[in-house]
């Protein structure tokens, strides 16, 4: 949720997406929007791609301080977690190899989703997915959802997820599983720090301890899905495990709700300074 008015204003947003994955703005447009909202720090964290980082950093020479980042999926027992990697070397060969593997797996997954939906009687042209990709480097479920809207099977992308692409939906296909410990090891190898993204209500203390043991560096405490009591809980967990506190809007630019949170959900200046010290 946005910060209460009696708290410090949001200084930095460390969770945003561009059209390089499933956002709607170019990296330069995202930086301009962040600058217009008074943000002093920004991280571009597209899914499985760092394609937008260089453009964002060039655009931000006189705007917000842009941190290179990426959002990575990882397996933790039978669950999936998302990890935000910050301060990485975007050109590192090991990172590029992993991201390419994930992007290839994403494309195969999206194609399989469409094949499954066709098998259940939905009419979807062969070129429908490519028509919705735009400039995305990483294809995901939002692009399949856009196909379903474009072909008239649903009215909104939200309906697409609810009816077809959710975990129990006819078109659902699981992501490839990469252990969280392996993902965190990669993040550290390429010079970054790994932060647990939007843990929400489901994250147990046991799961969190396993991530800490695997090398977790921080927790995304501030997120639109975290009500104040949940944010306070994760702040206590971060303090108890000596982890960094981060936060961001998870901005994609798709809804009015996301627009409200962009610039209103994120980190205070002291939290940003502690984060920058951890990157040093």
Protein backbone atom coordinates (compact mmCIF):
# COMPACT_ATOMS: atom_id res chain seq x y z
CA UNK A 1 0.00 0.00 0.00
CA UNK A 2 1.15 3.60 -0.44
CA UNK A 3 2.95 5.06 2.53
CA UNK A 4 0.81 6.83 5.14
CA UNK A 5 1.12 10.61 4.87
CA UNK A 6 2.94 10.88 8.19
CA UNK A 7 5.85 8.74 6.96
CA UNK A 8 8.82 9.90 4.90
CA UNK A 9 8.11 10.41 1.22
CA UNK A 10 9.18 7.75 -1.24
CA UNK A 11 12.74 8.42 -2.36
CA UNK A 12 13.44 5.34 -4.50
CA UNK A 13 11.53 2.62 -6.34
CA UNK A 14 13.52 -0.58 -6.79
CA UNK A 15 10.92 -2.69 -8.62
CA UNK A 16 9.85 -1.58 -12.10
CA UNK A 17 9.34 -3.13 -15.53
CA UNK A 18 9.67 -1.85 -19.09
CA UNK A 19 8.49 -3.08 -22.46
CA UNK A 20 11.68 -5.17 -22.57
CA UNK A 21 9.67 -7.69 -20.53
CA UNK A 22 6.02 -7.12 -19.62
CA UNK A 23 5.85 -3.40 -18.95
CA UNK A 24 4.33 -0.78 -21.21
CA UNK A 25 6.96 2.00 -21.16
CA UNK A 26 10.34 2.13 -22.83
CA UNK A 27 13.27 2.40 -20.40
CA UNK A 28 13.72 6.08 -21.25
CA UNK A 29 10.00 6.79 -20.76
CA UNK A 30 10.09 4.98 -17.41
CA UNK A 31 13.02 7.11 -16.23
CA UNK A 32 11.24 10.28 -17.35
CA UNK A 33 8.11 9.23 -15.46
CA UNK A 34 10.15 8.48 -12.34
CA UNK A 35 11.85 11.87 -12.57
CA UNK A 36 8.48 13.59 -12.96
CA UNK A 37 7.28 11.94 -9.76
CA UNK A 38 10.30 13.08 -7.80
CA UNK A 39 12.05 9.75 -7.41
CA UNK A 40 15.77 10.01 -6.74
CA UNK A 41 16.54 6.30 -7.09
CA UNK A 42 15.21 3.73 -9.54
CA UNK A 43 15.93 0.11 -10.43
CA UNK A 44 14.89 -1.42 -13.75
CA UNK A 45 14.04 -5.03 -12.92
CA UNK A 46 12.60 -6.64 -16.00
CA UNK A 47 11.86 -10.36 -15.99
CA UNK A 48 14.84 -12.41 -17.20
CA UNK A 49 16.39 -9.60 -19.23
CA UNK A 50 18.71 -6.66 -18.68
CA UNK A 51 18.02 -5.27 -22.15
CA UNK A 52 16.56 -2.03 -20.77
CA UNK A 53 19.29 -1.18 -18.25
CA UNK A 54 21.75 0.62 -20.53
CA UNK A 55 19.07 2.86 -22.07
CA UNK A 56 17.68 3.70 -18.65
CA UNK A 57 21.12 4.63 -17.33
CA UNK A 58 21.86 6.82 -20.36
CA UNK A 59 18.54 8.60 -19.97
CA UNK A 60 19.09 9.13 -16.25
CA UNK A 61 22.37 11.03 -16.50
CA UNK A 62 20.57 14.07 -15.08
CA UNK A 63 17.64 12.27 -13.46
CA UNK A 64 17.19 9.47 -10.90
CA UNK A 65 20.12 7.27 -9.96
CA UNK A 66 19.43 4.05 -11.91
CA UNK A 67 20.54 0.73 -10.41
CA UNK A 68 20.98 -2.20 -12.81
CA UNK A 69 18.64 -5.01 -11.87
CA UNK A 70 16.66 -8.02 -13.02
CA UNK A 71 13.80 -10.13 -11.63
CA UNK A 72 14.50 -13.87 -11.60
CA UNK A 73 12.25 -16.83 -10.87
CA UNK A 74 13.50 -19.54 -8.55
CA UNK A 75 12.24 -22.76 -6.97
CA UNK A 76 11.97 -23.18 -3.21
CA UNK A 77 10.76 -26.67 -2.36
CA UNK A 78 7.42 -26.95 -4.20
CA UNK A 79 6.94 -23.20 -4.45
CA UNK A 80 8.16 -20.48 -6.78
CA UNK A 81 9.77 -17.31 -5.48
CA UNK A 82 10.89 -14.21 -7.31
CA UNK A 83 14.27 -12.74 -6.56
CA UNK A 84 15.35 -9.20 -7.42
CA UNK A 85 19.04 -8.92 -8.27
CA UNK A 86 20.66 -5.49 -7.87
CA UNK A 87 24.08 -4.09 -8.66
CA UNK A 88 24.80 -6.86 -11.12
CA UNK A 89 27.19 -6.64 -14.06
CA UNK A 90 24.68 -6.77 -16.94
CA UNK A 91 27.39 -7.89 -19.38
CA UNK A 92 28.68 -10.82 -17.33
CA UNK A 93 28.77 -13.98 -19.45
CA UNK A 94 27.34 -16.21 -16.73
CA UNK A 95 24.37 -13.89 -16.26
CA UNK A 96 23.79 -13.56 -19.99
CA UNK A 97 23.87 -17.34 -20.41
CA UNK A 98 21.29 -17.84 -17.64
CA UNK A 99 19.02 -15.10 -18.97
CA UNK A 100 19.14 -16.46 -22.50
CA UNK A 101 18.25 -19.93 -21.22
CA UNK A 102 15.33 -18.49 -19.27
CA UNK A 103 14.09 -16.41 -22.21
CA UNK A 104 14.19 -19.47 -24.48
CA UNK A 105 12.27 -21.43 -21.85
CA UNK A 106 9.75 -18.59 -21.54
CA UNK A 107 9.09 -18.60 -25.27
CA UNK A 108 8.61 -22.37 -25.31
CA UNK A 109 6.26 -22.04 -22.35
CA UNK A 110 4.18 -19.34 -24.03
CA UNK A 111 3.90 -21.38 -27.21
CA UNK A 112 2.85 -24.44 -25.23
CA UNK A 113 0.17 -22.40 -23.45
CA UNK A 114 -1.28 -21.36 -26.79
CA UNK A 115 -1.14 -24.94 -28.07
CA UNK A 116 -3.02 -26.13 -24.98
CA UNK A 117 -5.65 -23.45 -25.43
CA UNK A 118 -6.08 -24.42 -29.08
CA UNK A 119 -6.51 -27.99 -27.93
CA UNK A 120 -9.42 -26.84 -25.78
CA UNK A 121 -11.12 -25.22 -28.77
CA UNK A 122 -9.89 -21.62 -28.68
CA UNK A 123 -9.14 -20.21 -32.11
CA UNK A 124 -5.71 -18.53 -32.06
CA UNK A 125 -3.78 -17.66 -35.27
CA UNK A 126 -0.20 -18.86 -35.70
CA UNK A 127 1.25 -15.34 -35.61
CA UNK A 128 -0.88 -14.11 -32.68
CA UNK A 129 1.90 -14.27 -30.07
CA UNK A 130 4.51 -12.48 -32.17
CA UNK A 131 1.98 -9.73 -32.85
CA UNK A 132 1.72 -9.03 -29.10
CA UNK A 133 5.41 -9.19 -28.21
CA UNK A 134 6.33 -5.68 -29.35
CA UNK A 135 9.90 -4.97 -28.28
CA UNK A 136 9.91 -7.48 -25.43
CA UNK A 137 13.08 -9.50 -24.91
CA UNK A 138 11.33 -11.79 -22.43
CA UNK A 139 7.93 -13.22 -23.36
CA UNK A 140 5.55 -14.22 -20.56
CA UNK A 141 1.96 -14.88 -19.57
CA UNK A 142 0.94 -11.21 -20.01
CA UNK A 143 1.69 -11.56 -23.72
CA UNK A 144 -0.46 -14.70 -23.93
CA UNK A 145 -3.17 -12.82 -22.04
CA UNK A 146 -2.94 -10.01 -24.61
CA UNK A 147 -3.44 -12.60 -27.36
CA UNK A 148 -6.63 -13.82 -25.69
CA UNK A 149 -7.93 -10.25 -25.49
CA UNK A 150 -6.98 -9.48 -29.10
CA UNK A 151 -8.73 -12.63 -30.34
CA UNK A 152 -11.90 -11.81 -28.41
CA UNK A 153 -11.81 -14.76 -26.01
CA UNK A 154 -11.83 -12.44 -22.98
CA UNK A 155 -12.41 -8.73 -22.45
CA UNK A 156 -9.39 -7.99 -20.23
CA UNK A 157 -6.01 -9.47 -19.39
CA UNK A 158 -7.26 -9.99 -15.85
CA UNK A 159 -10.02 -12.21 -17.18
CA UNK A 160 -7.43 -14.10 -19.22
CA UNK A 161 -5.50 -14.94 -16.06
CA UNK A 162 -8.62 -15.80 -14.09
CA UNK A 163 -10.17 -18.01 -16.76
CA UNK A 164 -7.23 -19.56 -18.59
CA UNK A 165 -3.71 -18.71 -17.36
CA UNK A 166 -3.86 -19.09 -13.59
CA UNK A 167 -2.36 -22.13 -11.89
CA UNK A 168 -5.57 -24.14 -12.39
CA UNK A 169 -6.35 -22.73 -15.83
CA UNK A 170 -6.62 -24.67 -19.07
CA UNK A 171 -3.63 -22.87 -20.52
CA UNK A 172 -1.32 -22.94 -17.52
CA UNK A 173 2.19 -24.31 -18.01
CA UNK A 174 4.69 -24.31 -15.15
CA UNK A 175 7.97 -22.42 -15.43
CA UNK A 176 11.27 -24.31 -15.52
CA UNK A 177 12.57 -24.85 -11.99
CA UNK A 178 15.93 -23.43 -10.93
CA UNK A 179 16.76 -23.82 -7.22
CA UNK A 180 16.83 -20.56 -5.28
CA UNK A 181 20.29 -21.37 -3.93
CA UNK A 182 21.61 -21.63 -7.50
CA UNK A 183 20.00 -18.33 -8.50
CA UNK A 184 21.43 -16.53 -5.46
CA UNK A 185 24.87 -18.01 -6.13
CA UNK A 186 24.68 -16.66 -9.68
CA UNK A 187 23.63 -13.21 -8.46
CA UNK A 188 26.61 -13.08 -6.13
CA UNK A 189 28.95 -14.38 -8.83
CA UNK A 190 28.01 -11.47 -11.13
CA UNK A 191 28.57 -8.89 -8.40
CA UNK A 192 25.04 -8.36 -7.19
CA UNK A 193 22.83 -8.79 -4.14
CA UNK A 194 19.67 -10.89 -4.07
CA UNK A 195 16.40 -9.69 -2.54
CA UNK A 196 13.18 -11.63 -2.01
CA UNK A 197 10.41 -9.95 -4.03
CA UNK A 198 6.86 -9.43 -2.70
CA UNK A 199 6.77 -12.36 -0.23
CA UNK A 200 3.12 -11.61 0.63
CA UNK A 201 1.09 -13.72 3.04
CA UNK A 202 2.32 -17.15 2.00
CA UNK A 203 6.01 -16.95 2.98
CA UNK A 204 6.60 -19.08 6.10
CA UNK A 205 9.41 -18.55 8.58
CA UNK A 206 10.83 -21.91 7.50
CA UNK A 207 10.95 -20.86 3.84
CA UNK A 208 12.56 -17.56 4.77
CA UNK A 209 15.21 -19.31 6.86
CA UNK A 210 16.02 -21.57 3.92
CA UNK A 211 16.50 -18.54 1.68
CA UNK A 212 18.71 -16.85 4.26
CA UNK A 213 20.79 -20.01 4.50
CA UNK A 214 21.05 -20.01 0.69
CA UNK A 215 22.50 -16.49 0.71
CA UNK A 216 19.52 -14.10 0.61
CA UNK A 217 20.63 -10.48 1.12
CA UNK A 218 17.36 -8.63 1.57
CA UNK A 219 13.54 -8.54 1.61
CA UNK A 220 11.22 -6.31 -0.40
CA UNK A 221 9.29 -4.94 2.57
CA UNK A 222 7.41 -2.17 0.74
CA UNK A 223 5.17 -3.49 -2.05
CA UNK A 224 1.60 -2.72 -3.18
CA UNK A 225 0.48 -6.18 -2.05
CA UNK A 226 1.78 -5.64 1.51
CA UNK A 227 -0.64 -4.04 3.92
CA UNK A 228 1.06 -2.04 6.72
CA UNK A 229 0.97 -4.90 9.25
CA UNK A 230 2.58 -7.28 6.73
CA UNK A 231 5.26 -4.73 5.86
CA UNK A 232 6.01 -4.36 9.57
CA UNK A 233 6.28 -8.15 9.92
CA UNK A 234 8.80 -8.39 7.10
CA UNK A 235 10.75 -5.45 8.48
CA UNK A 236 11.11 -7.37 11.75
CA UNK A 237 12.17 -10.46 9.81
CA UNK A 238 14.76 -8.42 7.91
CA UNK A 239 16.11 -6.96 11.14
CA UNK A 240 16.18 -10.39 12.80
CA UNK A 241 18.14 -11.96 9.93
CA UNK A 242 20.33 -8.89 9.29
CA UNK A 243 18.86 -8.40 5.81
CA UNK A 244 18.52 -5.27 3.70
CA UNK A 245 15.09 -3.63 3.49
CA UNK A 246 13.97 -2.64 -0.02
CA UNK A 247 10.74 -1.62 -1.67
CA UNK A 248 9.09 -0.73 -4.93
CA UNK A 249 5.85 -0.35 -6.81
CA UNK A 250 6.22 -3.36 -9.17
CA UNK A 251 5.28 -0.88 -11.87
CA UNK A 252 4.30 -2.12 -15.32
CA UNK A 253 2.11 0.80 -16.40
CA UNK A 254 -0.90 -1.38 -17.15
CA UNK A 255 -3.49 -0.17 -14.63
CA UNK A 256 -4.62 2.93 -12.77
CA UNK A 257 -3.70 1.19 -9.52
CA UNK A 258 -0.10 0.81 -10.69
CA UNK A 259 -0.02 4.48 -11.64
CA UNK A 260 -1.15 5.39 -8.13
CA UNK A 261 1.60 3.31 -6.54
CA UNK A 262 4.40 4.55 -8.80
CA UNK A 263 6.07 7.24 -6.73
CA UNK A 264 3.96 6.36 -3.67
CA UNK A 265 5.27 2.88 -2.80
CA UNK A 266 8.97 2.43 -2.26
CA UNK A 267 11.88 3.33 -0.01
CA UNK A 268 12.62 6.31 2.20
CA UNK A 269 15.90 8.17 1.82
CA UNK A 270 17.52 6.47 4.86
CA UNK A 271 16.53 3.04 3.47
CA UNK A 272 17.97 4.01 0.09
CA UNK A 273 21.24 5.11 1.68
CA UNK A 274 21.54 1.82 3.57
CA UNK A 275 20.86 -0.05 0.34
CA UNK A 276 23.54 1.90 -1.54
CA UNK A 277 26.01 1.17 1.25
CA UNK A 278 25.26 -2.56 0.87
CA UNK A 279 26.02 -2.34 -2.87
CA UNK A 280 29.36 -0.63 -2.30
